[in-house]
Amino acid sequence: GNCLHSEQEMPLKGLVPQELSDGRNFDGVAFPLCLTPESADESIAINDVKQYVTENAKSLVEACNKHGAVLFRGLPINSPEDFAEFVESLNAENLKYMGGAAVRRNVVGDRVFTANESPPSEVIPWHHELAQTPNPPSHLFF
């Protein structure tokens, strides 16, 4: 199904919905909502992204809540440090990582970790992120 929405439904300026060939649609709502820069301008910098995210944090969180997930494509997030800055620009509460079955390594501050340091031969069973915690976070960033 087509996962694009009209500009009137998308309150964000600068990022526009992008169709996903494998996206889903539930009751007319795209899952996930995929957002990409309006312009293919190569000069977009991480500082531009941080400013945009800070200025539009409320709309981005509302879009995530409405669509269940937001997938960002085409942003200049090229390192774990860029990713940490992107997440921090949302001013979301940072909950401490409480561990789980996977071996992980801290990469940047207390926000960015590796997904799994186990050898490739180890099976990762189906799971819900941080379901083992008494107060799981409302939003996760991958």
Protein backbone atom coordinates (compact mmCIF):
# COMPACT_ATOMS: atom_id res chain seq x y z
CA GLY A 1 0.00 0.00 0.00
CA ASN A 2 0.96 3.59 -0.56
CA CYS A 3 2.34 5.10 2.63
CA LEU A 4 2.46 8.70 1.48
CA HIS A 5 0.28 11.31 3.11
CA SER A 6 -0.70 14.75 1.89
CA GLU A 7 1.22 17.81 3.04
CA GLN A 8 -1.90 18.85 4.98
CA GLU A 9 -1.59 15.73 7.16
CA MET A 10 2.14 16.24 7.72
CA PRO A 11 2.70 19.32 9.87
CA LEU A 12 6.48 19.27 9.42
CA LYS A 13 8.29 21.57 7.02
CA GLY A 14 11.66 20.48 5.69
CA LEU A 15 10.96 16.77 5.93
CA VAL A 16 8.41 15.10 3.68
CA PRO A 17 6.84 11.63 3.67
CA GLN A 18 8.49 9.05 1.42
CA GLU A 19 6.78 5.96 0.08
CA LEU A 20 8.09 2.64 1.37
CA SER A 21 7.66 -0.37 -0.90
CA ASP A 22 7.28 -2.60 2.15
CA GLY A 23 5.42 -0.09 4.35
CA ARG A 24 2.06 -0.94 5.85
CA ASN A 25 -1.15 0.98 6.23
CA PHE A 26 -3.50 0.48 9.17
CA ASP A 27 -6.84 2.27 9.01
CA GLY A 28 -5.30 4.80 6.63
CA VAL A 29 -2.26 5.46 8.83
CA ALA A 30 1.18 4.62 7.46
CA PHE A 31 3.47 2.34 9.48
CA PRO A 32 6.15 3.41 9.72
CA LEU A 33 6.00 7.03 8.64
CA CYS A 34 9.13 7.55 6.55
CA LEU A 35 10.48 11.11 6.45
CA THR A 36 13.20 12.37 4.12
CA PRO A 37 14.62 15.86 3.44
CA GLU A 38 12.44 17.99 1.16
CA SER A 39 15.50 18.92 -0.87
CA ALA A 40 18.21 16.60 -2.14
CA ASP A 41 20.69 19.34 -1.21
CA GLU A 42 24.00 17.68 -0.40
CA SER A 43 25.00 20.56 1.90
CA ILE A 44 22.66 19.63 4.76
CA ALA A 45 24.72 19.32 7.94
CA ILE A 46 24.12 17.60 11.25
CA ASN A 47 23.73 21.02 12.91
CA ASP A 48 20.86 21.81 10.49
CA VAL A 49 19.23 18.51 11.44
CA LYS A 50 19.67 19.18 15.17
CA GLN A 51 18.12 22.63 14.84
CA TYR A 52 15.21 21.23 12.82
CA VAL A 53 14.58 18.41 15.30
CA THR A 54 14.76 20.79 18.29
CA GLU A 55 12.30 23.21 16.65
CA ASN A 56 9.93 20.40 15.61
CA ALA A 57 10.32 17.97 18.52
CA LYS A 58 6.65 18.14 19.51
CA SER A 59 5.44 17.42 15.95
CA LEU A 60 7.95 14.59 15.55
CA VAL A 61 6.80 12.93 18.78
CA GLU A 62 3.15 13.37 17.74
CA ALA A 63 3.95 11.78 14.35
CA CYS A 64 5.66 8.87 16.12
CA ASN A 65 2.68 8.37 18.42
CA LYS A 66 0.22 8.51 15.51
CA HIS A 67 2.16 6.21 13.17
CA GLY A 68 3.78 3.89 15.72
CA ALA A 69 7.26 4.60 14.33
CA VAL A 70 9.10 7.22 12.30
CA LEU A 71 11.86 6.19 9.92
CA PHE A 72 14.24 9.00 8.97
CA ARG A 73 16.09 8.62 5.67
CA GLY A 74 18.62 10.78 3.90
CA LEU A 75 19.86 12.66 6.96
CA PRO A 76 23.58 13.29 7.50
CA ILE A 77 23.83 10.91 10.44
CA ASN A 78 27.13 9.21 9.66
CA SER A 79 28.54 8.28 13.05
CA PRO A 80 27.44 7.20 16.51
CA GLU A 81 28.22 10.76 17.67
CA ASP A 82 25.87 12.22 15.02
CA PHE A 83 23.16 9.79 16.14
CA ALA A 84 23.62 10.80 19.79
CA GLU A 85 23.34 14.48 18.84
CA PHE A 86 20.18 13.76 16.79
CA VAL A 87 18.54 11.98 19.74
CA GLU A 88 19.65 14.62 22.25
CA SER A 89 18.14 17.38 20.08
CA LEU A 90 14.67 15.93 20.83
CA ASN A 91 15.19 16.72 24.54
CA ALA A 92 13.63 13.38 25.44
CA GLU A 93 14.16 11.96 28.89
CA ASN A 94 17.14 9.63 28.91
CA LEU A 95 16.59 6.47 30.92
CA LYS A 96 19.60 4.49 32.03
CA TYR A 97 20.18 1.23 30.18
CA MET A 98 19.25 -1.61 32.54
CA GLY A 99 20.73 -4.58 30.73
CA GLY A 100 19.14 -7.64 29.28
CA ALA A 101 20.17 -10.92 27.71
CA ALA A 102 22.37 -9.37 25.00
CA VAL A 103 25.96 -8.33 25.57
CA ARG A 104 26.23 -4.63 24.62
CA ARG A 105 28.97 -2.05 24.58
CA ASN A 106 28.52 1.63 25.34
CA VAL A 107 29.57 3.75 22.33
CA VAL A 108 28.62 7.39 23.06
CA GLY A 109 27.74 8.83 26.45
CA ASP A 110 24.87 7.00 28.09
CA ARG A 111 22.63 7.09 24.97
CA VAL A 112 24.25 5.00 22.23
CA PHE A 113 25.07 1.31 22.62
CA THR A 114 25.89 -1.50 20.24
CA ALA A 115 22.94 -3.72 19.40
CA ASN A 116 24.60 -6.99 20.37
CA GLU A 117 28.21 -8.05 20.90
CA SER A 118 27.46 -11.77 20.89
CA PRO A 119 29.07 -13.89 18.17
CA PRO A 120 27.03 -14.28 14.95
CA SER A 121 26.44 -17.94 15.82
CA GLU A 122 24.22 -16.91 18.75
CA VAL A 123 20.47 -16.72 18.06
CA ILE A 124 18.64 -13.56 19.08
CA PRO A 125 15.12 -14.59 20.07
CA TRP A 126 12.10 -12.41 19.33
CA HIS A 127 11.79 -9.82 22.06
CA HIS A 128 10.45 -6.42 23.08
CA GLU A 129 13.05 -3.79 23.85
CA LEU A 130 13.47 -3.18 27.58
CA ALA A 131 10.35 -5.15 28.48
CA GLN A 132 12.20 -6.48 31.52
CA THR A 133 12.33 -3.03 33.14
CA PRO A 134 9.69 -1.84 35.60
CA ASN A 135 9.31 1.48 33.72
CA PRO A 136 10.10 0.95 30.03
CA PRO A 137 10.74 4.04 27.88
CA SER A 138 7.94 5.45 25.74
CA HIS A 139 10.24 5.90 22.72
CA LEU A 140 13.30 4.05 21.42
CA PHE A 141 15.80 5.12 18.79
CA PHE A 142 17.59 2.74 16.45
